[in-house]
Amino acid sequence: MKEIINKIVDTFRPISQDLGNGVKAVHQDYKYETTDVKQHFKPGIARHVLNQSIVDKNDFIAFVSEYKTNATKLFYNNNIVKAVFNYSTVENADYGDSVCKMDLILTEDFVEFKNNQEQLTQKQFVRFLKKMEPYIVALDNKKADDMDIVEMAEHLQAIKTIDSVQRNAQQKFHLDVNISTGKSSMTLPKIIAFEFPIFKNDRAIMTRFETELFLSADDGALTAELICYNINQLQEETTRELTTSILQGLDGVSAFQA
């Protein structure tokens, strides 16, 4: 009797049923019919979730300004600035997984400068000065045009013997040297000032580094050392300047130091 009833029920069931998205369920033991399925079908988007990385500061501000909501929060430290568009609020809980981040990236020039805060051989000293020459802005508080430190370094490279290395009354280096053209002397500055950006994110933010030059001679070989005593402090100050400029560019977004 049960089998008879099931057959009667099956008689009134549709042969196929549209399941949506181009998929049809065929009654009884037939296969699924998928001829109408789109080849590159993607499910509908239930909510907006962003995961974006940006390098340029102005691009970051523009992107966050476009997608910010009432729940957007900004978090920052010395390494990264991150905007969370769907942060939980008092009224509504959320996943906090829709973000845009900007890693603070050091310029190659700053990395080179920081890595050379050590004793350098003659060749290393010349190579460093040539590479950083565009950023030399002052020598002993005078414009760099008044003294060609790179040319002096090239003469040092030609030194055969060094008779003396000492400070004179003006606190500069006075060297008596024998070069290929004969006996000569030269005076090197004590303070060399450089100016260049620390972060790729905003190359318009320039930082001035004043370094003190130390020379030493051992068995006719000259070594040089440039020391910037407050290099870490300057990096921290520039980081604050960069992050502050981002916060000021994002009206209505709460910011927190993480």
C-alpha atoms as a PDB file:
ATOM      1  CA  MET A   1       0.000   0.000   0.000  1.00  0.00           C
ATOM      2  CA  LYS A   2       2.879   2.369   0.899  1.00  0.00           C
ATOM      3  CA  GLU A   3       4.551   1.763  -2.436  1.00  0.00           C
ATOM      4  CA  ILE A   4       1.323   2.614  -4.264  1.00  0.00           C
ATOM      5  CA  ILE A   5       1.006   5.891  -2.352  1.00  0.00           C
ATOM      6  CA  ASN A   6       4.659   6.843  -3.133  1.00  0.00           C
ATOM      7  CA  LYS A   7       4.125   6.242  -6.835  1.00  0.00           C
ATOM      8  CA  ILE A   8       1.018   8.449  -6.794  1.00  0.00           C
ATOM      9  CA  VAL A   9       3.015  11.248  -4.992  1.00  0.00           C
ATOM     10  CA  ASP A  10       5.904  10.924  -7.453  1.00  0.00           C
ATOM     11  CA  THR A  11       3.457  11.338 -10.301  1.00  0.00           C
ATOM     12  CA  PHE A  12       2.634  14.873  -9.147  1.00  0.00           C
ATOM     13  CA  ARG A  13       6.285  15.880  -8.473  1.00  0.00           C
ATOM     14  CA  PRO A  14       7.953  17.972 -11.165  1.00  0.00           C
ATOM     15  CA  ILE A  15      10.432  16.167 -13.396  1.00  0.00           C
ATOM     16  CA  SER A  16      13.015  18.855 -12.723  1.00  0.00           C
ATOM     17  CA  GLN A  17      13.384  21.708 -10.261  1.00  0.00           C
ATOM     18  CA  ASP A  18      15.367  24.904 -10.796  1.00  0.00           C
ATOM     19  CA  LEU A  19      17.807  25.348  -7.891  1.00  0.00           C
ATOM     20  CA  GLY A  20      19.057  28.715  -9.099  1.00  0.00           C
ATOM     21  CA  ASN A  21      22.444  29.810 -10.417  1.00  0.00           C
ATOM     22  CA  GLY A  22      21.785  27.754 -13.553  1.00  0.00           C
ATOM     23  CA  VAL A  23      21.549  24.426 -11.689  1.00  0.00           C
ATOM     24  CA  LYS A  24      18.505  22.112 -12.094  1.00  0.00           C
ATOM     25  CA  ALA A  25      17.647  19.051  -9.978  1.00  0.00           C
ATOM     26  CA  VAL A  26      16.148  16.274 -12.121  1.00  0.00           C
ATOM     27  CA  HIS A  27      13.616  13.965 -10.428  1.00  0.00           C
ATOM     28  CA  GLN A  28      14.415  10.366  -9.459  1.00  0.00           C
ATOM     29  CA  ASP A  29      17.770   8.928 -10.540  1.00  0.00           C
ATOM     30  CA  TYR A  30      18.657  11.432 -13.232  1.00  0.00           C
ATOM     31  CA  LYS A  31      21.833  13.526 -13.108  1.00  0.00           C
ATOM     32  CA  TYR A  32      22.055  17.252 -12.352  1.00  0.00           C
ATOM     33  CA  GLU A  33      21.717  19.345 -15.457  1.00  0.00           C
ATOM     34  CA  THR A  34      24.428  22.013 -15.548  1.00  0.00           C
ATOM     35  CA  THR A  35      24.371  23.169 -19.155  1.00  0.00           C
ATOM     36  CA  ASP A  36      23.133  26.625 -18.125  1.00  0.00           C
ATOM     37  CA  VAL A  37      25.770  27.146 -15.411  1.00  0.00           C
ATOM     38  CA  LYS A  38      27.988  30.175 -16.065  1.00  0.00           C
ATOM     39  CA  GLN A  39      31.605  29.199 -16.498  1.00  0.00           C
ATOM     40  CA  HIS A  40      32.988  31.880 -14.176  1.00  0.00           C
ATOM     41  CA  PHE A  41      30.170  32.028 -11.682  1.00  0.00           C
ATOM     42  CA  LYS A  42      30.936  33.842  -8.394  1.00  0.00           C
ATOM     43  CA  PRO A  43      28.621  33.979  -5.388  1.00  0.00           C
ATOM     44  CA  GLY A  44      27.058  37.260  -4.426  1.00  0.00           C
ATOM     45  CA  ILE A  45      28.965  39.531  -2.044  1.00  0.00           C
ATOM     46  CA  ALA A  46      27.358  39.475   1.388  1.00  0.00           C
ATOM     47  CA  ARG A  47      29.489  42.357   2.780  1.00  0.00           C
ATOM     48  CA  HIS A  48      32.371  44.619   1.808  1.00  0.00           C
ATOM     49  CA  VAL A  49      35.777  43.332   2.961  1.00  0.00           C
ATOM     50  CA  LEU A  50      38.937  45.149   1.871  1.00  0.00           C
ATOM     51  CA  ASN A  51      42.546  44.052   2.233  1.00  0.00           C
ATOM     52  CA  GLN A  52      44.708  46.743   0.637  1.00  0.00           C
ATOM     53  CA  SER A  53      48.363  47.754   1.045  1.00  0.00           C
ATOM     54  CA  ILE A  54      49.528  51.224  -0.045  1.00  0.00           C
ATOM     55  CA  VAL A  55      52.999  52.824   0.016  1.00  0.00           C
ATOM     56  CA  ASP A  56      52.411  56.507  -0.791  1.00  0.00           C
ATOM     57  CA  LYS A  57      51.042  58.633   2.057  1.00  0.00           C
ATOM     58  CA  ASN A  58      48.732  60.740  -0.100  1.00  0.00           C
ATOM     59  CA  ASP A  59      47.324  57.640  -1.804  1.00  0.00           C
ATOM     60  CA  PHE A  60      46.680  56.096   1.607  1.00  0.00           C
ATOM     61  CA  ILE A  61      44.787  59.184   2.787  1.00  0.00           C
ATOM     62  CA  ALA A  62      42.717  59.268  -0.412  1.00  0.00           C
ATOM     63  CA  PHE A  63      41.849  55.558  -0.205  1.00  0.00           C
ATOM     64  CA  VAL A  64      40.838  55.656   3.455  1.00  0.00           C
ATOM     65  CA  SER A  65      38.819  58.842   2.906  1.00  0.00           C
ATOM     66  CA  GLU A  66      36.861  57.113   0.135  1.00  0.00           C
ATOM     67  CA  TYR A  67      36.005  53.935   2.062  1.00  0.00           C
ATOM     68  CA  LYS A  68      35.813  55.185   5.656  1.00  0.00           C
ATOM     69  CA  THR A  69      32.652  54.560   7.677  1.00  0.00           C
ATOM     70  CA  ASN A  70      31.414  55.622  11.084  1.00  0.00           C
ATOM     71  CA  ALA A  71      33.140  52.518  12.465  1.00  0.00           C
ATOM     72  CA  THR A  72      36.550  53.226  10.895  1.00  0.00           C
ATOM     73  CA  LYS A  73      39.500  53.372  13.310  1.00  0.00           C
ATOM     74  CA  LEU A  74      43.169  54.136  12.664  1.00  0.00           C
ATOM     75  CA  PHE A  75      46.029  52.370  14.479  1.00  0.00           C
ATOM     76  CA  TYR A  76      49.714  53.268  14.116  1.00  0.00           C
ATOM     77  CA  ASN A  77      53.197  52.653  15.491  1.00  0.00           C
ATOM     78  CA  ASN A  78      56.783  53.132  14.305  1.00  0.00           C
ATOM     79  CA  ASN A  79      56.404  50.487  11.591  1.00  0.00           C
ATOM     80  CA  ILE A  80      52.871  50.668  10.175  1.00  0.00           C
ATOM     81  CA  VAL A  81      49.699  52.720   9.863  1.00  0.00           C
ATOM     82  CA  LYS A  82      46.512  50.644   9.532  1.00  0.00           C
ATOM     83  CA  ALA A  83      42.912  51.683   8.941  1.00  0.00           C
ATOM     84  CA  VAL A  84      40.193  49.230  10.036  1.00  0.00           C
ATOM     85  CA  PHE A  85      36.930  50.049   8.255  1.00  0.00           C
ATOM     86  CA  ASN A  86      34.616  47.665  10.155  1.00  0.00           C
ATOM     87  CA  TYR A  87      35.854  47.951  13.734  1.00  0.00           C
ATOM     88  CA  SER A  88      33.386  46.968  16.442  1.00  0.00           C
ATOM     89  CA  THR A  89      31.382  49.789  18.011  1.00  0.00           C
ATOM     90  CA  VAL A  90      29.360  49.985  21.211  1.00  0.00           C
ATOM     91  CA  GLU A  91      26.164  49.442  19.234  1.00  0.00           C
ATOM     92  CA  ASN A  92      27.351  46.847  16.721  1.00  0.00           C
ATOM     93  CA  ALA A  93      29.944  44.087  16.819  1.00  0.00           C
ATOM     94  CA  ASP A  94      31.922  43.400  13.654  1.00  0.00           C
ATOM     95  CA  TYR A  95      34.824  41.299  12.400  1.00  0.00           C
ATOM     96  CA  GLY A  96      37.409  44.067  12.069  1.00  0.00           C
ATOM     97  CA  ASP A  97      38.816  42.336   8.990  1.00  0.00           C
ATOM     98  CA  SER A  98      38.355  45.073   6.367  1.00  0.00           C
ATOM     99  CA  VAL A  99      41.635  46.981   6.384  1.00  0.00           C
ATOM    100  CA  CYS A 100      44.052  49.212   4.501  1.00  0.00           C
ATOM    101  CA  LYS A 101      47.631  49.337   5.717  1.00  0.00           C
ATOM    102  CA  MET A 102      50.703  51.413   4.962  1.00  0.00           C
ATOM    103  CA  ASP A 103      54.056  49.991   6.064  1.00  0.00           C
ATOM    104  CA  LEU A 104      56.614  52.686   6.876  1.00  0.00           C
ATOM    105  CA  ILE A 105      59.399  51.960   4.383  1.00  0.00           C
ATOM    106  CA  LEU A 106      62.904  53.410   4.751  1.00  0.00           C
ATOM    107  CA  THR A 107      64.612  54.964   1.737  1.00  0.00           C
ATOM    108  CA  GLU A 108      67.731  53.319   0.330  1.00  0.00           C
ATOM    109  CA  ASP A 109      69.697  56.508   1.116  1.00  0.00           C
ATOM    110  CA  PHE A 110      68.801  56.399   4.812  1.00  0.00           C
ATOM    111  CA  VAL A 111      69.683  52.705   5.041  1.00  0.00           C
ATOM    112  CA  GLU A 112      73.033  53.448   3.360  1.00  0.00           C
ATOM    113  CA  PHE A 113      73.648  56.385   5.685  1.00  0.00           C
ATOM    114  CA  LYS A 114      72.801  54.431   8.836  1.00  0.00           C
ATOM    115  CA  ASN A 115      74.877  51.417   7.800  1.00  0.00           C
ATOM    116  CA  ASN A 116      77.956  53.627   7.386  1.00  0.00           C
ATOM    117  CA  GLN A 117      77.971  54.904  10.970  1.00  0.00           C
ATOM    118  CA  GLU A 118      81.252  53.073  11.512  1.00  0.00           C
ATOM    119  CA  GLN A 119      84.925  53.233  10.652  1.00  0.00           C
ATOM    120  CA  LEU A 120      85.555  53.368   6.895  1.00  0.00           C
ATOM    121  CA  THR A 121      88.662  52.775   4.854  1.00  0.00           C
ATOM    122  CA  GLN A 122      89.794  55.428   2.382  1.00  0.00           C
ATOM    123  CA  LYS A 123      88.013  53.752  -0.502  1.00  0.00           C
ATOM    124  CA  GLN A 124      84.838  53.211   1.519  1.00  0.00           C
ATOM    125  CA  PHE A 125      84.890  56.841   2.651  1.00  0.00           C
ATOM    126  CA  VAL A 126      85.274  58.123  -0.923  1.00  0.00           C
ATOM    127  CA  ARG A 127      82.581  55.766  -2.203  1.00  0.00           C
ATOM    128  CA  PHE A 128      80.184  56.872   0.550  1.00  0.00           C
ATOM    129  CA  LEU A 129      80.754  60.581  -0.069  1.00  0.00           C
ATOM    130  CA  LYS A 130      80.276  60.190  -3.828  1.00  0.00           C
ATOM    131  CA  LYS A 131      76.998  58.368  -3.327  1.00  0.00           C
ATOM    132  CA  MET A 132      75.709  60.873  -0.777  1.00  0.00           C
ATOM    133  CA  GLU A 133      77.115  63.976  -2.484  1.00  0.00           C
ATOM    134  CA  PRO A 134      73.688  65.256  -3.690  1.00  0.00           C
ATOM    135  CA  TYR A 135      72.530  65.380  -0.064  1.00  0.00           C
ATOM    136  CA  ILE A 136      75.531  67.265   1.408  1.00  0.00           C
ATOM    137  CA  VAL A 137      74.128  70.705   2.307  1.00  0.00           C
ATOM    138  CA  ALA A 138      76.751  72.185   4.629  1.00  0.00           C
ATOM    139  CA  LEU A 139      80.359  71.800   5.762  1.00  0.00           C
ATOM    140  CA  ASP A 140      81.211  73.386   9.098  1.00  0.00           C
ATOM    141  CA  ASN A 141      77.930  75.347   8.913  1.00  0.00           C
ATOM    142  CA  LYS A 142      78.795  76.775   5.506  1.00  0.00           C
ATOM    143  CA  LYS A 143      77.141  75.914   2.214  1.00  0.00           C
ATOM    144  CA  ALA A 144      78.650  72.848   0.645  1.00  0.00           C
ATOM    145  CA  ASP A 145      79.477  74.838  -2.514  1.00  0.00           C
ATOM    146  CA  ASP A 146      82.210  76.626  -0.575  1.00  0.00           C
ATOM    147  CA  MET A 147      84.198  73.405  -0.177  1.00  0.00           C
ATOM    148  CA  ASP A 148      84.342  70.288  -2.341  1.00  0.00           C
ATOM    149  CA  ILE A 149      84.598  67.495   0.189  1.00  0.00           C
ATOM    150  CA  VAL A 150      84.418  64.829  -2.516  1.00  0.00           C
ATOM    151  CA  GLU A 151      87.416  66.324  -4.338  1.00  0.00           C
ATOM    152  CA  MET A 152      89.325  66.329  -1.071  1.00  0.00           C
ATOM    153  CA  ALA A 153      88.410  62.710  -0.499  1.00  0.00           C
ATOM    154  CA  GLU A 154      89.704  61.842  -3.963  1.00  0.00           C
ATOM    155  CA  HIS A 155      93.028  63.478  -3.079  1.00  0.00           C
ATOM    156  CA  LEU A 156      93.117  61.443   0.094  1.00  0.00           C
ATOM    157  CA  GLN A 157      92.691  58.368  -2.067  1.00  0.00           C
ATOM    158  CA  ALA A 158      95.958  59.314  -3.814  1.00  0.00           C
ATOM    159  CA  ILE A 159      97.922  59.601  -0.562  1.00  0.00           C
ATOM    160  CA  LYS A 160     101.119  57.599  -0.423  1.00  0.00           C
ATOM    161  CA  THR A 161     102.126  58.451   3.138  1.00  0.00           C
ATOM    162  CA  ILE A 162     100.561  60.508   5.905  1.00  0.00           C
ATOM    163  CA  ASP A 163     102.899  62.648   8.008  1.00  0.00           C
ATOM    164  CA  SER A 164     100.313  63.874  10.523  1.00  0.00           C
ATOM    165  CA  VAL A 165      96.639  63.994  11.302  1.00  0.00           C
ATOM    166  CA  GLN A 166      95.651  66.666  13.807  1.00  0.00           C
ATOM    167  CA  ARG A 167      93.152  69.360  14.753  1.00  0.00           C
ATOM    168  CA  ASN A 168      93.993  72.983  14.158  1.00  0.00           C
ATOM    169  CA  ALA A 169      92.671  76.017  16.062  1.00  0.00           C
ATOM    170  CA  GLN A 170      89.447  76.014  14.045  1.00  0.00           C
ATOM    171  CA  GLN A 171      88.721  72.437  15.098  1.00  0.00           C
ATOM    172  CA  LYS A 172      89.172  71.145  11.572  1.00  0.00           C
ATOM    173  CA  PHE A 173      91.487  68.440  10.282  1.00  0.00           C
ATOM    174  CA  HIS A 174      94.810  69.630   8.863  1.00  0.00           C
ATOM    175  CA  LEU A 175      96.663  66.957   6.938  1.00  0.00           C
ATOM    176  CA  ASP A 176     100.251  67.120   5.694  1.00  0.00           C
ATOM    177  CA  VAL A 177     100.357  64.591   2.883  1.00  0.00           C
ATOM    178  CA  ASN A 178     102.585  63.325   0.128  1.00  0.00           C
ATOM    179  CA  ILE A 179     100.591  62.818  -3.069  1.00  0.00           C
ATOM    180  CA  SER A 180     101.681  62.016  -6.570  1.00  0.00           C
ATOM    181  CA  THR A 181     102.290  65.711  -7.341  1.00  0.00           C
ATOM    182  CA  GLY A 182     104.533  66.182  -4.332  1.00  0.00           C
ATOM    183  CA  LYS A 183     104.260  67.690  -0.844  1.00  0.00           C
ATOM    184  CA  SER A 184     100.896  69.280  -0.101  1.00  0.00           C
ATOM    185  CA  SER A 185      98.399  69.950   2.667  1.00  0.00           C
ATOM    186  CA  MET A 186      94.643  70.162   3.035  1.00  0.00           C
ATOM    187  CA  THR A 187      92.064  71.023   5.659  1.00  0.00           C
ATOM    188  CA  LEU A 188      88.972  68.866   6.079  1.00  0.00           C
ATOM    189  CA  PRO A 189      85.768  70.004   7.798  1.00  0.00           C
ATOM    190  CA  LYS A 190      84.769  68.761  11.225  1.00  0.00           C
ATOM    191  CA  ILE A 191      80.991  68.805  10.642  1.00  0.00           C
ATOM    192  CA  ILE A 192      79.325  67.463   7.477  1.00  0.00           C
ATOM    193  CA  ALA A 193      75.563  67.997   7.180  1.00  0.00           C
ATOM    194  CA  PHE A 194      73.299  65.847   5.004  1.00  0.00           C
ATOM    195  CA  GLU A 195      69.621  66.350   4.163  1.00  0.00           C
ATOM    196  CA  PHE A 196      67.370  63.699   2.588  1.00  0.00           C
ATOM    197  CA  PRO A 197      64.071  61.858   3.227  1.00  0.00           C
ATOM    198  CA  ILE A 198      63.921  58.928   5.634  1.00  0.00           C
ATOM    199  CA  PHE A 199      60.690  57.342   4.389  1.00  0.00           C
ATOM    200  CA  LYS A 200      59.583  56.339   0.891  1.00  0.00           C
ATOM    201  CA  ASN A 201      56.004  57.019   1.973  1.00  0.00           C
ATOM    202  CA  ASP A 202      56.565  60.777   1.832  1.00  0.00           C
ATOM    203  CA  ARG A 203      59.778  61.959   0.205  1.00  0.00           C
ATOM    204  CA  ALA A 204      58.737  65.578   0.758  1.00  0.00           C
ATOM    205  CA  ILE A 205      59.593  65.233   4.460  1.00  0.00           C
ATOM    206  CA  MET A 206      63.308  66.016   4.591  1.00  0.00           C
ATOM    207  CA  THR A 207      65.517  65.377   7.615  1.00  0.00           C
ATOM    208  CA  ARG A 208      68.832  67.091   8.320  1.00  0.00           C
ATOM    209  CA  PHE A 209      71.646  64.970   9.735  1.00  0.00           C
ATOM    210  CA  GLU A 210      74.759  66.627  11.164  1.00  0.00           C
ATOM    211  CA  THR A 211      77.726  64.285  11.413  1.00  0.00           C
ATOM    212  CA  GLU A 212      81.105  64.709  13.061  1.00  0.00           C
ATOM    213  CA  LEU A 213      84.127  63.502  11.113  1.00  0.00           C
ATOM    214  CA  PHE A 214      86.920  61.557  12.831  1.00  0.00           C
ATOM    215  CA  LEU A 215      90.143  60.578  11.076  1.00  0.00           C
ATOM    216  CA  SER A 216      92.893  58.271  12.221  1.00  0.00           C
ATOM    217  CA  ALA A 217      96.122  57.057  10.651  1.00  0.00           C
ATOM    218  CA  ASP A 218      97.800  53.736  11.258  1.00  0.00           C
ATOM    219  CA  ASP A 219     100.944  52.723   9.342  1.00  0.00           C
ATOM    220  CA  GLY A 220     100.145  55.227   6.597  1.00  0.00           C
ATOM    221  CA  ALA A 221      96.564  53.988   6.165  1.00  0.00           C
ATOM    222  CA  LEU A 222      93.815  56.500   6.837  1.00  0.00           C
ATOM    223  CA  THR A 223      90.423  55.548   8.263  1.00  0.00           C
ATOM    224  CA  ALA A 224      87.406  57.841   8.577  1.00  0.00           C
ATOM    225  CA  GLU A 225      84.310  57.734  10.752  1.00  0.00           C
ATOM    226  CA  LEU A 226      81.194  59.887  10.423  1.00  0.00           C
ATOM    227  CA  ILE A 227      79.026  59.931  13.540  1.00  0.00           C
ATOM    228  CA  CYS A 228      75.504  61.300  13.769  1.00  0.00           C
ATOM    229  CA  TYR A 229      74.867  61.335  17.511  1.00  0.00           C
ATOM    230  CA  ASN A 230      71.077  61.789  17.329  1.00  0.00           C
ATOM    231  CA  ILE A 231      70.240  59.595  14.322  1.00  0.00           C
ATOM    232  CA  ASN A 232      67.715  57.475  16.258  1.00  0.00           C
ATOM    233  CA  GLN A 233      66.054  60.555  17.722  1.00  0.00           C
ATOM    234  CA  LEU A 234      65.758  62.126  14.272  1.00  0.00           C
ATOM    235  CA  GLN A 235      64.177  58.942  12.917  1.00  0.00           C
ATOM    236  CA  GLU A 236      61.622  58.941  15.738  1.00  0.00           C
ATOM    237  CA  GLU A 237      60.807  62.629  15.206  1.00  0.00           C
ATOM    238  CA  THR A 238      60.321  62.092  11.472  1.00  0.00           C
ATOM    239  CA  THR A 239      58.088  59.092  12.176  1.00  0.00           C
ATOM    240  CA  ARG A 240      55.887  61.277  14.378  1.00  0.00           C
ATOM    241  CA  GLU A 241      55.793  63.979  11.710  1.00  0.00           C
ATOM    242  CA  LEU A 242      54.726  61.448   9.066  1.00  0.00           C
ATOM    243  CA  THR A 243      52.014  59.801  11.177  1.00  0.00           C
ATOM    244  CA  THR A 244      50.727  63.186  12.386  1.00  0.00           C
ATOM    245  CA  SER A 245      50.339  64.413   8.805  1.00  0.00           C
ATOM    246  CA  ILE A 246      48.266  61.287   8.022  1.00  0.00           C
ATOM    247  CA  LEU A 247      46.001  61.816  11.040  1.00  0.00           C
ATOM    248  CA  GLN A 248      45.464  65.440  10.069  1.00  0.00           C
ATOM    249  CA  GLY A 249      44.500  64.383   6.549  1.00  0.00           C
ATOM    250  CA  LEU A 250      41.748  62.024   7.765  1.00  0.00           C
ATOM    251  CA  ASP A 251      38.917  64.081   9.215  1.00  0.00           C
ATOM    252  CA  GLY A 252      36.464  62.264  11.447  1.00  0.00           C
ATOM    253  CA  VAL A 253      38.613  59.142  11.928  1.00  0.00           C
ATOM    254  CA  SER A 254      39.686  58.264  15.476  1.00  0.00           C
ATOM    255  CA  ALA A 255      43.357  57.318  15.752  1.00  0.00           C
ATOM    256  CA  PHE A 256      45.166  55.238  18.360  1.00  0.00           C
ATOM    257  CA  GLN A 257      48.859  54.512  18.903  1.00  0.00           C
ATOM    258  CA  ALA A 258      49.237  50.740  18.980  1.00  0.00           C
END
